[in-house]
Amino acid sequence: MAAYKLKSTRSTKLHDKLDYPVIDTDGHVIENTFALPDFLKQVAGPDMVAAYTKAQEAARQPGNPKRVPWGTPSGDLSIDRATMMLPRLYALRLEEAGVDFSTIYATIGFNAQVMPDDEIRQAACRALNMMYADMFKEVSHKMTPAAIIPMNTPEEAIAEVEFAVTELGMKALMTCNEVVRPDPTVLAEAPHLAKHAMKYNPLAIDSPLDYDPFWAKCVELKVVPAGHSMNFVGTHTSPNNYIYNRLGFFATSGFAAARALFMSGFTQKFPELNIGFLEGGVWWGVALYNDLVEFWEKRNKKAMLKNLDPAKLDFDLMSEMFAEYGNEYLNADALKENWKMVARDGRTDPDEVPAFIDDWTQVKIEKEEDVRDLFINNFYFGCEADDAMNYTAFNTKANKFGAKLKAMFSSDLGHWDVQDFGGILHETHEAVDDGLITEEDFKDFVFTNPVTLQTRLNPDFFKGTDVEGAIDTFLAGQPKAA
């Protein structure tokens, strides 16, 4: 049979006009599930194969949130399906997509990462990482697979990241944005019902477990956590409609994770550690960033004590206003009789102020600009090519302090979202053509931000790749960190 013949595409034509390489931060492999059992046997023996298969089937039982049916290419796109299953063909065809280097994430690995059984989850992630490392070793100049990190406990996460990085040589991570655990009260009092009372748990603020040792391990090993999510929770749990579950899901998940990390002081404790929120776009990050600035401005301790303290209500002034503008039941006498209710502030102990009002105790902010610096520098947002809201990251007129968020080109190649393999780069450039972003913004989107995501912690991330020279030149021109 003849070898695959590359085609000229809209994206290759655009790529030829660029003077920098294009870095894709989120392509996908479609795993050869028939090959996985051999790796599962290596990890945990032949019985694990049956246990893993049974667990996969259980995840799709009636009543559970409906997951994606028919989620990968077929029909006229069958060549794309083969491409995602064969790394050498994938590496060859990246040229058609206008991509020079790609970080590759899981498909079935999403489900493996959140399996409820500890032994099966850990074994499946270990086996998949071994398979990914082996599959992609011949094409490391063009792509690198992300290791799947189970996150139910910090200990299992640390164990897998150490294995993936030190034993397998992997250099990218796919973490979770949250963990879903049984409600502890239900688990204790009615364990047979626990699976029907699952509770969202962030990995930072209010988490029952301390994930700081895991983040510290990422810094030590120079690897960046980047999370999709596959725990359909909250308003994304329809057993009948996948699209209902999927709409806004990655944004909802990323929004919750990012605000938990920010309010826990994550970016102050680990200033050198970037983190990626993938596949949900950036618009929610823009909303979160601007809200944080507004909330701190109005609800920092000093402002609240000045403007919101119920103890500072002017009784005489309010009595005058009630007397002048009230009615038969809204009058000064009624105000006086109910003054304790009107001035109630919710404290059970008068000594609770200011701790009672201060929600910023875990993240130390002295001025509004601190919010910008603690948010913008470390948070990166994966955006699909056809997301019409990508431009919001670069809207300096709307974003507080003229900020630009670190939006990144994330193709989602391999999944149902991509209907034109050769059109993704061209499609994301439409924002330039429409005057929504500049050519400089486009370069940040497809090159600068994807590069700095990884190289801030690991300057050698792209060593040995086809883009090494261009990135070395870029890094040499960057200001040295203080």
Protein backbone atom coordinates (compact mmCIF):
# COMPACT_ATOMS: atom_id res chain seq x y z
CA MET A 1 0.00 0.00 0.00
CA ALA A 2 1.24 3.50 -0.82
CA ALA A 3 2.29 5.80 2.00
CA TYR A 4 -0.02 8.61 3.01
CA LYS A 5 0.39 11.66 0.81
CA LEU A 6 0.24 15.01 2.59
CA LYS A 7 -2.30 17.55 1.37
CA SER A 8 -2.10 21.30 1.11
CA THR A 9 -4.71 22.83 3.42
CA ARG A 10 -5.94 26.22 4.54
CA SER A 11 -3.81 25.78 7.65
CA THR A 12 -0.61 24.87 5.80
CA LYS A 13 -1.00 27.96 3.63
CA LEU A 14 -1.41 30.14 6.72
CA HIS A 15 1.49 28.43 8.47
CA ASP A 16 3.79 29.20 5.55
CA LYS A 17 3.25 32.91 6.21
CA LEU A 18 4.28 32.74 9.88
CA ASP A 19 7.83 33.32 11.10
CA TYR A 20 7.36 31.22 14.26
CA PRO A 21 6.25 27.64 14.91
CA VAL A 22 2.74 26.71 16.04
CA ILE A 23 2.40 24.83 19.32
CA ASP A 24 -0.79 22.87 20.02
CA THR A 25 -1.39 22.40 23.74
CA ASP A 26 -4.22 19.87 23.52
CA GLY A 27 -4.41 17.22 20.85
CA HIS A 28 -5.79 13.78 21.66
CA VAL A 29 -4.83 10.18 21.10
CA ILE A 30 -7.53 7.61 20.44
CA GLU A 31 -6.22 4.64 22.38
CA ASN A 32 -5.97 1.22 20.80
CA THR A 33 -8.02 -0.48 23.49
CA PHE A 34 -7.06 -3.90 22.17
CA ALA A 35 -3.43 -3.12 23.13
CA LEU A 36 -4.16 -1.97 26.68
CA PRO A 37 -4.66 -5.41 28.31
CA ASP A 38 -1.00 -6.30 27.83
CA PHE A 39 0.02 -3.22 29.81
CA LEU A 40 -2.61 -3.85 32.48
CA LYS A 41 -1.23 -7.36 32.93
CA GLN A 42 2.27 -5.93 33.41
CA VAL A 43 0.99 -3.58 36.09
CA ALA A 44 -1.40 -5.77 38.08
CA GLY A 45 -1.79 -9.20 36.50
CA PRO A 46 -4.47 -10.77 34.26
CA ASP A 47 -7.31 -10.38 36.76
CA MET A 48 -7.01 -6.60 36.44
CA VAL A 49 -8.03 -6.77 32.78
CA ALA A 50 -11.43 -8.20 33.70
CA ALA A 51 -11.83 -5.81 36.62
CA TYR A 52 -11.02 -2.81 34.44
CA THR A 53 -13.44 -3.91 31.70
CA LYS A 54 -16.23 -4.41 34.24
CA ALA A 55 -15.58 -0.97 35.75
CA GLN A 56 -15.73 0.69 32.34
CA GLU A 57 -19.07 -0.95 31.64
CA ALA A 58 -20.43 0.12 35.05
CA ALA A 59 -19.70 3.76 34.27
CA ARG A 60 -22.27 3.62 31.47
CA GLN A 61 -25.07 1.99 33.42
CA PRO A 62 -28.57 3.56 33.21
CA GLY A 63 -29.00 6.40 35.67
CA ASN A 64 -25.41 7.59 35.52
CA PRO A 65 -24.66 10.89 33.74
CA LYS A 66 -24.71 10.25 30.01
CA ARG A 67 -21.24 10.36 28.49
CA VAL A 68 -20.33 11.02 24.90
CA PRO A 69 -21.70 8.57 22.32
CA TRP A 70 -19.98 8.47 18.93
CA GLY A 71 -17.26 10.89 20.02
CA THR A 72 -14.51 10.13 17.50
CA PRO A 73 -14.17 10.53 13.71
CA SER A 74 -15.71 8.09 11.22
CA GLY A 75 -17.13 8.06 7.68
CA ASP A 76 -15.26 10.55 5.51
CA LEU A 77 -13.14 11.32 8.56
CA SER A 78 -11.92 7.72 8.98
CA ILE A 79 -8.40 8.82 8.05
CA ASP A 80 -8.52 11.09 11.09
CA ARG A 81 -9.53 8.15 13.28
CA ALA A 82 -6.57 6.13 12.01
CA THR A 83 -4.32 9.16 12.49
CA MET A 84 -5.14 9.50 16.18
CA MET A 85 -4.45 5.79 16.73
CA LEU A 86 -1.08 5.78 14.96
CA PRO A 87 1.47 8.27 16.32
CA ARG A 88 3.76 8.08 13.27
CA LEU A 89 0.87 9.02 10.97
CA TYR A 90 -0.25 11.63 13.49
CA ALA A 91 3.21 13.23 13.52
CA LEU A 92 3.25 13.28 9.72
CA ARG A 93 -0.19 14.87 9.40
CA LEU A 94 0.43 17.62 11.95
CA GLU A 95 1.76 19.56 8.97
CA GLU A 96 -1.72 19.53 7.43
CA ALA A 97 -3.08 21.02 10.65
CA GLY A 98 -0.45 23.77 10.54
CA VAL A 99 1.06 22.49 13.79
CA ASP A 100 4.76 22.05 14.51
CA PHE A 101 4.53 20.43 17.94
CA SER A 102 1.65 19.07 20.04
CA THR A 103 1.04 17.83 23.56
CA ILE A 104 -1.26 14.83 23.36
CA TYR A 105 -3.92 13.98 25.94
CA ALA A 106 -6.06 10.95 26.61
CA THR A 107 -9.45 9.81 25.40
CA ILE A 108 -10.37 6.67 27.35
CA GLY A 109 -7.91 7.91 29.95
CA PHE A 110 -10.47 10.46 31.09
CA ASN A 111 -12.67 7.70 32.45
CA ALA A 112 -9.75 5.73 33.88
CA GLN A 113 -8.62 8.76 35.83
CA VAL A 114 -11.87 9.05 37.79
CA MET A 115 -12.80 5.41 38.36
CA PRO A 116 -14.08 5.04 41.92
CA ASP A 117 -12.17 1.86 42.78
CA ASP A 118 -8.69 2.82 44.04
CA GLU A 119 -6.88 -0.26 42.76
CA ILE A 120 -8.46 -0.22 39.30
CA ARG A 121 -8.00 3.54 38.88
CA GLN A 122 -4.34 3.47 39.83
CA ALA A 123 -3.58 0.40 37.74
CA ALA A 124 -5.39 1.78 34.69
CA CYS A 125 -3.56 5.11 34.84
CA ARG A 126 -0.21 3.34 35.27
CA ALA A 127 -0.89 1.00 32.34
CA LEU A 128 -2.07 3.82 30.07
CA ASN A 129 0.98 5.91 30.87
CA MET A 130 3.23 2.98 30.01
CA MET A 131 1.36 2.54 26.73
CA TYR A 132 1.52 6.27 25.88
CA ALA A 133 5.24 6.46 26.62
CA ASP A 134 5.88 3.48 24.37
CA MET A 135 3.54 4.58 21.56
CA PHE A 136 4.99 8.07 21.21
CA LYS A 137 8.69 7.39 21.76
CA GLU A 138 9.45 7.40 18.02
CA VAL A 139 7.79 10.77 17.41
CA SER A 140 9.08 12.80 20.35
CA HIS A 141 10.41 15.40 17.92
CA LYS A 142 6.80 16.24 16.99
CA MET A 143 4.65 15.43 20.01
CA THR A 144 4.68 14.38 23.63
CA PRO A 145 1.99 12.48 25.54
CA ALA A 146 0.62 13.78 28.83
CA ALA A 147 0.72 11.36 31.74
CA ILE A 148 -2.64 10.65 33.38
CA ILE A 149 -2.43 11.45 37.07
CA PRO A 150 -5.11 10.00 39.38
CA MET A 151 -5.95 12.68 41.95
CA ASN A 152 -8.23 11.07 44.54
CA THR A 153 -5.47 11.47 47.10
CA PRO A 154 -2.24 13.47 47.07
CA GLU A 155 -0.33 10.27 47.75
CA GLU A 156 -1.55 8.45 44.63
CA ALA A 157 -0.97 11.57 42.55
CA ILE A 158 2.60 11.89 43.80
CA ALA A 159 3.30 8.20 43.20
CA GLU A 160 2.12 8.37 39.60
CA VAL A 161 3.84 11.62 38.69
CA GLU A 162 7.11 10.28 40.08
CA PHE A 163 6.74 7.10 38.03
CA ALA A 164 5.70 8.90 34.87
CA VAL A 165 8.51 11.44 35.00
CA THR A 166 11.42 9.50 36.50
CA GLU A 167 10.69 6.04 35.08
CA LEU A 168 8.93 6.77 31.81
CA GLY A 169 10.51 10.14 30.98
CA MET A 170 7.16 11.86 30.45
CA LYS A 171 7.13 15.64 30.77
CA ALA A 172 3.47 16.73 30.58
CA LEU A 173 0.62 15.95 32.98
CA MET A 174 -3.12 15.52 32.74
CA THR A 175 -4.49 16.20 36.20
CA CYS A 176 -8.07 16.58 37.44
CA ASN A 177 -9.80 19.83 38.27
CA GLU A 178 -11.65 18.22 41.17
CA VAL A 179 -12.35 14.94 42.92
CA VAL A 180 -15.83 13.52 43.47
CA ARG A 181 -16.16 11.55 46.69
CA PRO A 182 -19.10 10.07 48.61
CA ASP A 183 -20.67 12.44 51.09
CA PRO A 184 -18.94 11.52 54.38
CA THR A 185 -22.17 11.50 56.38
CA VAL A 186 -23.90 9.18 53.94
CA LEU A 187 -20.81 6.98 53.71
CA ALA A 188 -20.72 6.61 57.48
CA GLU A 189 -24.44 6.08 58.09
CA ALA A 190 -25.61 4.37 54.90
CA PRO A 191 -22.60 3.12 52.93
CA HIS A 192 -24.81 1.19 50.50
CA LEU A 193 -26.20 4.54 49.33
CA ALA A 194 -22.87 6.37 49.15
CA LYS A 195 -22.52 6.07 45.39
CA HIS A 196 -25.80 7.97 45.05
CA ALA A 197 -24.54 10.88 47.17
CA MET A 198 -21.33 11.96 45.53
CA LYS A 199 -19.90 15.32 46.55
CA TYR A 200 -17.70 17.76 44.65
CA ASN A 201 -14.32 18.35 46.30
CA PRO A 202 -11.87 20.99 45.05
CA LEU A 203 -8.15 20.36 45.24
CA ALA A 204 -7.46 23.49 47.25
CA ILE A 205 -9.73 25.57 49.45
CA ASP A 206 -12.01 23.45 51.68
CA SER A 207 -10.48 20.23 50.39
CA PRO A 208 -10.56 17.43 52.95
CA LEU A 209 -7.01 16.57 51.85
CA ASP A 210 -3.89 18.70 51.52
CA TYR A 211 -2.67 18.75 47.92
CA ASP A 212 0.24 21.12 48.56
CA PRO A 213 2.72 18.19 48.63
CA PHE A 214 1.59 17.25 45.12
CA TRP A 215 2.02 20.79 43.79
CA ALA A 216 5.44 20.87 45.43
CA LYS A 217 6.31 17.59 43.70
CA CYS A 218 5.36 19.13 40.36
CA VAL A 219 7.78 21.98 41.04
CA GLU A 220 10.49 19.52 42.05
CA LEU A 221 10.06 17.44 38.90
CA LYS A 222 9.51 20.50 36.68
CA VAL A 223 6.17 19.38 35.27
CA VAL A 224 3.05 21.47 34.75
CA PRO A 225 -0.38 20.19 35.84
CA ALA A 226 -3.10 20.74 33.26
CA GLY A 227 -6.65 19.61 33.84
CA HIS A 228 -9.57 18.62 31.75
CA SER A 229 -12.30 17.08 33.84
CA MET A 230 -14.56 14.07 33.45
CA ASN A 231 -16.62 14.20 36.63
CA PHE A 232 -20.08 15.23 35.46
CA VAL A 233 -21.40 16.92 38.61
CA GLY A 234 -23.98 19.49 39.66
CA THR A 235 -26.10 20.64 36.73
CA HIS A 236 -24.22 18.36 34.31
CA THR A 237 -25.67 15.01 35.36
CA SER A 238 -28.48 14.19 32.97
CA PRO A 239 -28.71 10.43 32.39
CA ASN A 240 -30.39 11.06 29.03
CA ASN A 241 -28.70 13.98 27.28
CA TYR A 242 -24.94 14.23 26.71
CA ILE A 243 -25.10 17.65 25.05
CA TYR A 244 -26.88 19.07 28.09
CA ASN A 245 -24.10 17.66 30.26
CA ARG A 246 -21.31 18.82 27.98
CA LEU A 247 -22.43 22.41 27.31
CA GLY A 248 -20.28 24.65 29.51
CA PHE A 249 -18.97 21.66 31.45
CA PHE A 250 -15.23 22.28 31.07
CA ALA A 251 -15.78 25.97 31.78
CA THR A 252 -17.79 25.16 34.92
CA SER A 253 -15.10 22.76 36.09
CA GLY A 254 -12.24 25.12 35.31
CA PHE A 255 -14.00 28.07 36.92
CA ALA A 256 -14.47 26.16 40.19
CA ALA A 257 -10.90 24.86 40.19
CA ALA A 258 -9.29 28.19 39.37
CA ARG A 259 -11.15 30.15 42.00
CA ALA A 260 -10.40 27.46 44.62
CA LEU A 261 -6.71 27.58 43.79
CA PHE A 262 -6.59 31.37 43.72
CA MET A 263 -8.43 31.88 47.01
CA SER A 264 -6.24 29.24 48.69
CA GLY A 265 -3.10 31.22 47.85
CA PHE A 266 -1.83 28.61 45.36
CA THR A 267 -0.04 31.15 43.16
CA GLN A 268 1.69 32.70 46.16
CA LYS A 269 2.81 29.39 47.61
CA PHE A 270 4.00 28.08 44.23
CA PRO A 271 4.82 31.19 42.17
CA GLU A 272 6.93 29.26 39.67
CA LEU A 273 4.22 26.70 38.92
CA ASN A 274 1.90 27.39 36.00
CA ILE A 275 -1.34 25.44 35.69
CA GLY A 276 -3.50 24.78 32.64
CA PHE A 277 -7.28 24.61 32.40
CA LEU A 278 -8.04 22.83 29.15
CA GLU A 279 -10.87 22.67 26.66
CA GLY A 280 -13.19 25.15 28.39
CA GLY A 281 -11.99 28.27 26.59
CA VAL A 282 -10.97 31.50 28.28
CA TRP A 283 -14.16 33.56 28.59
CA TRP A 284 -14.89 32.15 32.04
CA GLY A 285 -11.33 33.00 33.09
CA VAL A 286 -11.89 36.56 31.92
CA ALA A 287 -15.06 36.75 34.01
CA LEU A 288 -13.31 35.26 37.04
CA TYR A 289 -10.34 37.61 36.79
CA ASN A 290 -12.45 40.73 36.51
CA ASP A 291 -14.77 39.56 39.29
CA LEU A 292 -11.83 38.94 41.61
CA VAL A 293 -10.61 42.49 41.12
CA GLU A 294 -14.11 43.87 41.76
CA PHE A 295 -14.72 41.65 44.78
CA TRP A 296 -11.41 42.56 46.39
CA GLU A 297 -12.04 46.26 45.78
CA LYS A 298 -15.39 46.12 47.57
CA ARG A 299 -14.89 43.27 50.01
CA ASN A 300 -11.36 43.64 51.30
CA LYS A 301 -11.22 44.00 55.07
CA LYS A 302 -10.51 47.74 55.10
CA ALA A 303 -13.31 48.58 52.66
CA MET A 304 -15.82 46.41 54.52
CA LEU A 305 -15.04 47.92 57.90
CA LYS A 306 -15.49 51.35 56.37
CA ASN A 307 -18.57 50.84 54.24
CA LEU A 308 -20.39 47.67 55.29
CA ASP A 309 -20.11 47.40 59.08
CA PRO A 310 -23.70 47.19 60.46
CA ALA A 311 -22.45 48.71 63.72
CA LYS A 312 -21.81 51.94 61.83
CA LEU A 313 -25.39 52.39 60.68
CA ASP A 314 -26.53 55.94 61.48
CA PHE A 315 -29.68 55.40 63.52
CA ASP A 316 -30.64 59.06 63.68
CA LEU A 317 -30.34 59.53 59.92
CA MET A 318 -32.31 56.39 59.18
CA SER A 319 -35.03 57.37 61.66
CA GLU A 320 -35.41 60.71 59.91
CA MET A 321 -35.71 59.00 56.52
CA PHE A 322 -38.28 56.49 57.82
CA ALA A 323 -40.28 59.34 59.37
CA GLU A 324 -40.22 61.32 56.13
CA TYR A 325 -40.61 58.59 53.51
CA GLY A 326 -42.11 55.63 55.39
CA ASN A 327 -45.70 54.49 55.76
CA GLU A 328 -47.92 53.06 58.45
CA TYR A 329 -45.73 49.99 58.96
CA LEU A 330 -42.37 51.38 57.75
CA ASN A 331 -41.96 54.14 60.33
CA ALA A 332 -39.39 55.38 62.83
CA ASP A 333 -41.03 53.56 65.75
CA ALA A 334 -40.95 50.24 63.87
CA LEU A 335 -37.32 50.87 63.01
CA LYS A 336 -36.46 51.52 66.66
CA GLU A 337 -38.28 48.41 67.86
CA ASN A 338 -36.48 46.23 65.29
CA TRP A 339 -33.11 47.93 65.30
CA LYS A 340 -31.21 44.82 66.37
CA MET A 341 -32.66 42.98 63.40
CA VAL A 342 -31.78 45.78 60.98
CA ALA A 343 -28.22 46.06 62.32
CA ARG A 344 -27.64 42.33 62.62
CA ASP A 345 -24.29 41.23 61.21
CA GLY A 346 -24.38 37.45 61.75
CA ARG A 347 -21.68 37.22 64.40
CA THR A 348 -22.07 34.86 67.33
CA ASP A 349 -19.04 36.37 69.03
CA PRO A 350 -18.30 40.14 68.98
CA ASP A 351 -14.57 39.36 68.88
CA GLU A 352 -14.91 37.65 65.50
CA VAL A 353 -14.36 40.91 63.63
CA PRO A 354 -12.30 41.28 61.50
CA ALA A 355 -11.74 37.54 60.99
CA PHE A 356 -15.48 37.08 60.54
CA ILE A 357 -15.56 39.25 57.42
CA ASP A 358 -12.20 38.49 55.85
CA ASP A 359 -12.31 35.84 53.12
CA TRP A 360 -8.82 36.75 51.89
CA THR A 361 -6.89 35.12 54.72
CA GLN A 362 -5.29 32.44 52.54
CA VAL A 363 -4.26 34.75 49.71
CA LYS A 364 -2.47 37.90 50.77
CA ILE A 365 -3.50 40.90 48.67
CA GLU A 366 -2.55 44.48 49.50
CA LYS A 367 -3.82 46.24 46.37
CA GLU A 368 -5.94 45.50 43.30
CA GLU A 369 -2.90 45.03 41.09
CA ASP A 370 -1.90 42.04 43.24
CA VAL A 371 -4.97 40.21 41.94
CA ARG A 372 -3.77 40.81 38.39
CA ASP A 373 -0.25 39.56 39.11
CA LEU A 374 -1.33 36.50 41.06
CA PHE A 375 -3.90 35.48 38.45
CA ILE A 376 -2.47 36.44 35.08
CA ASN A 377 1.03 35.06 35.60
CA ASN A 378 0.17 31.45 36.48
CA PHE A 379 -3.18 30.53 34.94
CA TYR A 380 -3.30 29.30 31.32
CA PHE A 381 -6.46 28.56 29.35
CA GLY A 382 -6.83 26.00 26.57
CA CYS A 383 -9.09 27.24 23.77
CA GLU A 384 -10.44 25.32 20.80
CA ALA A 385 -10.02 26.87 17.37
CA ASP A 386 -13.71 27.55 16.74
CA ASP A 387 -14.42 29.15 20.13
CA ALA A 388 -15.84 32.56 19.25
CA MET A 389 -14.95 33.94 22.69
CA ASN A 390 -11.17 33.46 22.45
CA TYR A 391 -10.72 37.15 21.72
CA THR A 392 -11.87 38.08 25.24
CA ALA A 393 -8.47 37.08 26.59
CA PHE A 394 -6.88 39.90 24.60
CA ASN A 395 -9.52 42.58 25.15
CA THR A 396 -7.38 45.11 27.02
CA LYS A 397 -10.16 47.71 26.87
CA ALA A 398 -12.47 45.53 28.96
CA ASN A 399 -10.06 43.59 31.17
CA LYS A 400 -8.96 45.24 34.39
CA PHE A 401 -5.58 47.01 34.16
CA GLY A 402 -5.51 46.29 30.42
CA ALA A 403 -4.60 42.68 31.15
CA LYS A 404 -4.29 39.90 28.60
CA LEU A 405 -5.02 36.41 29.85
CA LYS A 406 -2.84 33.52 28.75
CA ALA A 407 -5.11 31.84 26.22
CA MET A 408 -3.56 28.93 24.29
CA PHE A 409 -4.29 27.17 21.03
CA SER A 410 -5.77 23.78 21.98
CA SER A 411 -6.96 21.95 18.90
CA ASP A 412 -8.86 19.02 20.43
CA LEU A 413 -7.75 17.01 17.40
CA GLY A 414 -9.14 13.50 17.59
CA HIS A 415 -12.51 14.32 19.11
CA TRP A 416 -15.91 15.08 17.58
CA ASP A 417 -15.33 18.84 17.90
CA VAL A 418 -12.86 18.85 15.00
CA GLN A 419 -14.57 18.31 11.66
CA ASP A 420 -11.72 19.63 9.49
CA PHE A 421 -8.23 18.41 10.39
CA GLY A 422 -6.66 20.85 7.96
CA GLY A 423 -8.71 23.83 9.06
CA ILE A 424 -7.99 24.33 12.74
CA LEU A 425 -5.14 26.84 12.50
CA HIS A 426 -6.90 28.80 9.80
CA GLU A 427 -10.10 28.77 11.84
CA THR A 428 -8.46 30.32 14.89
CA HIS A 429 -6.93 33.04 12.71
CA GLU A 430 -10.44 34.23 11.80
CA ALA A 431 -10.39 36.37 14.94
CA VAL A 432 -7.54 38.34 13.34
CA ASP A 433 -9.38 38.57 10.03
CA ASP A 434 -12.44 39.88 11.86
CA GLY A 435 -10.45 42.52 13.71
CA LEU A 436 -11.05 40.99 17.14
CA ILE A 437 -7.39 40.31 17.92
CA THR A 438 -4.08 41.47 16.46
CA GLU A 439 -1.38 39.45 14.76
CA GLU A 440 0.64 39.87 17.96
CA ASP A 441 -2.25 38.37 19.94
CA PHE A 442 -2.41 35.48 17.48
CA LYS A 443 1.29 34.78 17.99
CA ASP A 444 0.75 34.78 21.76
CA PHE A 445 -2.15 32.37 21.27
CA VAL A 446 -0.41 29.76 19.11
CA PHE A 447 3.21 30.21 20.18
CA THR A 448 4.20 32.43 23.11
CA ASN A 449 1.65 31.25 25.66
CA PRO A 450 1.97 27.54 24.81
CA VAL A 451 5.74 27.89 25.11
CA THR A 452 5.81 29.78 28.40
CA LEU A 453 3.27 27.40 29.94
CA GLN A 454 5.98 24.75 30.02
CA THR A 455 9.30 26.59 29.88
CA ARG A 456 8.81 28.80 32.91
CA LEU A 457 9.49 25.76 35.05
CA ASN A 458 11.32 23.58 32.52
CA PRO A 459 13.34 25.53 29.94
CA ASP A 460 14.34 22.19 28.37
CA PHE A 461 10.77 21.04 27.69
CA PHE A 462 11.22 21.39 23.91
CA LYS A 463 14.77 20.07 23.80
CA GLY A 464 15.21 17.49 21.05
CA THR A 465 12.09 18.60 19.18
CA ASP A 466 11.71 20.19 15.77
CA VAL A 467 10.94 23.53 17.43
CA GLU A 468 13.91 23.57 19.79
CA GLY A 469 15.90 26.17 17.84
CA ALA A 470 13.03 28.63 17.49
CA ILE A 471 12.15 28.32 21.15
CA ASP A 472 15.76 28.70 22.31
CA THR A 473 15.92 31.92 20.31
CA PHE A 474 12.65 33.11 21.82
CA LEU A 475 13.72 32.31 25.38
CA ALA A 476 17.08 34.00 24.89
CA GLY A 477 15.22 37.20 24.09
CA GLN A 478 13.03 37.10 27.20
CA PRO A 479 13.85 39.23 30.26
CA LYS A 480 15.50 37.31 33.07
CA ALA A 481 13.33 36.53 36.06
CA ALA A 482 14.03 38.63 39.14
